[in-house]
Amino acid sequence: MVEVTAVAQEIIDKVEKLSVLELNGLVKALEEKFGVTAAAPVAVAVAPAAGGAAGGADAGAASTVSVILTSAGDKKINVLKAVREITGLGLKEAKDLVDGAPKPVKENIGAEEAKTIKEKLEKEGAKVEIK
């Protein structure tokens, strides 16, 4: 367990009692105040285990791909909703991703998952590449 000061522990205790909506608002406020993001790179953390299960180093490297959003197309709102569903990003982060295309939606994932994500985004009108 990490040791913290009494002040820090008091803050932790207060955060622990927040509702999901209050916590979401707090996170957004902290992100804006300090210019950071709380989004965790979940796909990157999981990828080494998946690559290791596939076999040798070459097999692991060849079995992971990235899904790149190249364009949102005409149905930007539908694409934005799909990106949020796929990534779990907040509205602002997902909008930044869609507006900043070409950008990776998910990286270091299996080819089957990438194909599913590509189909879902293309169904909503996006242009997508798998690399």
Protein backbone atom coordinates (compact mmCIF):
# COMPACT_ATOMS: atom_id res chain seq x y z
CA MET A 1 0.00 0.00 0.00
CA VAL A 2 1.23 3.48 -0.86
CA GLU A 3 1.78 5.77 2.08
CA VAL A 4 0.19 9.21 1.80
CA THR A 5 -0.02 12.28 3.98
CA ALA A 6 -3.05 12.94 6.17
CA VAL A 7 -4.23 15.63 3.74
CA ALA A 8 -3.97 13.25 0.78
CA GLN A 9 -5.81 10.54 2.73
CA GLU A 10 -8.58 13.02 3.53
CA ILE A 11 -8.96 13.77 -0.19
CA ILE A 12 -9.03 10.05 -1.01
CA ASP A 13 -11.74 9.51 1.59
CA LYS A 14 -13.85 12.30 0.09
CA VAL A 15 -13.38 11.06 -3.49
CA GLU A 16 -14.40 7.59 -2.38
CA LYS A 17 -17.82 8.94 -1.34
CA LEU A 18 -18.57 10.72 -4.65
CA SER A 19 -21.29 9.46 -6.98
CA VAL A 20 -20.30 8.39 -10.49
CA LEU A 21 -21.60 11.66 -11.93
CA GLU A 22 -19.75 13.74 -9.34
CA LEU A 23 -16.55 11.75 -9.94
CA ASN A 24 -16.89 12.20 -13.70
CA GLY A 25 -17.23 15.96 -13.23
CA LEU A 26 -14.21 16.02 -10.94
CA VAL A 27 -12.09 14.10 -13.45
CA LYS A 28 -13.11 16.46 -16.28
CA ALA A 29 -12.32 19.51 -14.14
CA LEU A 30 -8.88 18.12 -13.21
CA GLU A 31 -8.15 17.28 -16.84
CA GLU A 32 -8.98 20.84 -17.90
CA LYS A 33 -7.18 22.48 -14.98
CA PHE A 34 -3.92 20.55 -15.44
CA GLY A 35 -4.08 19.80 -19.17
CA VAL A 36 -3.91 16.03 -18.71
CA THR A 37 -6.11 13.07 -19.56
CA ALA A 38 -7.24 10.26 -17.30
CA ALA A 39 -7.80 7.81 -20.19
CA ALA A 40 -5.85 4.62 -19.56
CA PRO A 41 -4.17 2.80 -22.47
CA VAL A 42 -5.98 -0.47 -21.70
CA ALA A 43 -5.34 -2.10 -25.08
CA VAL A 44 -1.59 -1.53 -24.77
CA ALA A 45 -1.47 -3.12 -21.32
CA VAL A 46 -3.30 -6.25 -22.50
CA ALA A 47 -1.39 -6.73 -25.77
CA PRO A 48 1.82 -8.32 -24.41
CA ALA A 49 -0.13 -11.15 -22.77
CA ALA A 50 -2.04 -11.84 -25.98
CA GLY A 51 1.16 -11.77 -28.06
CA GLY A 52 2.90 -14.15 -25.66
CA ALA A 53 0.06 -16.65 -25.91
CA ALA A 54 0.33 -16.70 -29.71
CA GLY A 55 3.79 -18.23 -29.75
CA GLY A 56 7.22 -16.74 -30.41
CA ALA A 57 8.14 -13.07 -30.68
CA ASP A 58 7.57 -12.99 -34.45
CA ALA A 59 4.11 -14.53 -34.14
CA GLY A 60 3.15 -11.97 -31.45
CA ALA A 61 4.33 -9.03 -33.51
CA ALA A 62 2.49 -10.20 -36.62
CA SER A 63 -0.74 -10.94 -34.75
CA THR A 64 -1.33 -7.44 -33.39
CA VAL A 65 -2.59 -4.58 -35.49
CA SER A 66 -3.93 -1.05 -35.08
CA VAL A 67 -7.24 0.38 -36.27
CA ILE A 68 -6.75 3.85 -37.78
CA LEU A 69 -9.68 6.22 -38.33
CA THR A 70 -8.77 8.02 -41.55
CA SER A 71 -12.00 10.03 -41.93
CA ALA A 72 -15.30 10.40 -40.05
CA GLY A 73 -17.26 10.78 -43.29
CA ASP A 74 -20.66 12.47 -43.47
CA LYS A 75 -22.15 10.90 -40.31
CA LYS A 76 -19.69 12.33 -37.79
CA ILE A 77 -22.07 12.02 -34.80
CA ASN A 78 -22.70 8.33 -35.50
CA VAL A 79 -18.97 7.72 -35.84
CA LEU A 80 -18.35 9.63 -32.60
CA LYS A 81 -20.87 7.42 -30.77
CA ALA A 82 -19.23 4.28 -32.18
CA VAL A 83 -15.74 5.49 -31.17
CA ARG A 84 -16.96 6.13 -27.62
CA GLU A 85 -18.51 2.68 -27.45
CA ILE A 86 -15.38 0.98 -28.80
CA THR A 87 -12.83 2.88 -26.73
CA GLY A 88 -14.69 3.90 -23.59
CA LEU A 89 -13.42 7.47 -24.05
CA GLY A 90 -15.34 10.46 -22.78
CA LEU A 91 -17.18 12.74 -25.17
CA LYS A 92 -14.40 15.34 -25.43
CA GLU A 93 -11.64 12.76 -25.96
CA ALA A 94 -13.66 10.85 -28.56
CA LYS A 95 -14.53 14.11 -30.36
CA ASP A 96 -10.84 15.09 -30.40
CA LEU A 97 -9.97 11.69 -31.86
CA VAL A 98 -12.64 11.91 -34.58
CA ASP A 99 -11.82 15.55 -35.40
CA GLY A 100 -8.10 14.79 -35.53
CA ALA A 101 -8.35 11.92 -38.03
CA PRO A 102 -6.25 10.20 -39.18
CA LYS A 103 -5.70 8.81 -35.68
CA PRO A 104 -5.55 5.34 -34.12
CA VAL A 105 -8.78 4.19 -32.48
CA LYS A 106 -7.22 1.07 -30.93
CA GLU A 107 -3.65 -0.18 -31.12
CA ASN A 108 -1.92 -3.53 -30.58
CA ILE A 109 -5.08 -5.61 -30.83
CA GLY A 110 -5.84 -8.92 -32.51
CA ALA A 111 -6.75 -9.01 -36.19
CA GLU A 112 -10.26 -10.33 -35.51
CA GLU A 113 -11.05 -7.54 -33.04
CA ALA A 114 -9.64 -5.01 -35.51
CA LYS A 115 -11.85 -6.38 -38.29
CA THR A 116 -14.94 -6.11 -36.05
CA ILE A 117 -14.07 -2.52 -35.07
CA LYS A 118 -13.43 -1.59 -38.72
CA GLU A 119 -16.79 -3.01 -39.79
CA LYS A 120 -18.60 -1.17 -37.01
CA LEU A 121 -17.00 2.19 -37.87
CA GLU A 122 -17.50 1.74 -41.62
CA LYS A 123 -21.17 0.89 -41.00
CA GLU A 124 -21.47 4.36 -39.44
CA GLY A 125 -19.83 6.02 -42.46
CA ALA A 126 -16.19 6.26 -41.35
CA LYS A 127 -13.15 5.42 -43.44
CA VAL A 128 -10.84 3.05 -41.56
CA GLU A 129 -7.50 1.30 -42.15
CA ILE A 130 -5.98 -1.65 -40.34
CA LYS A 131 -2.19 -1.48 -40.05
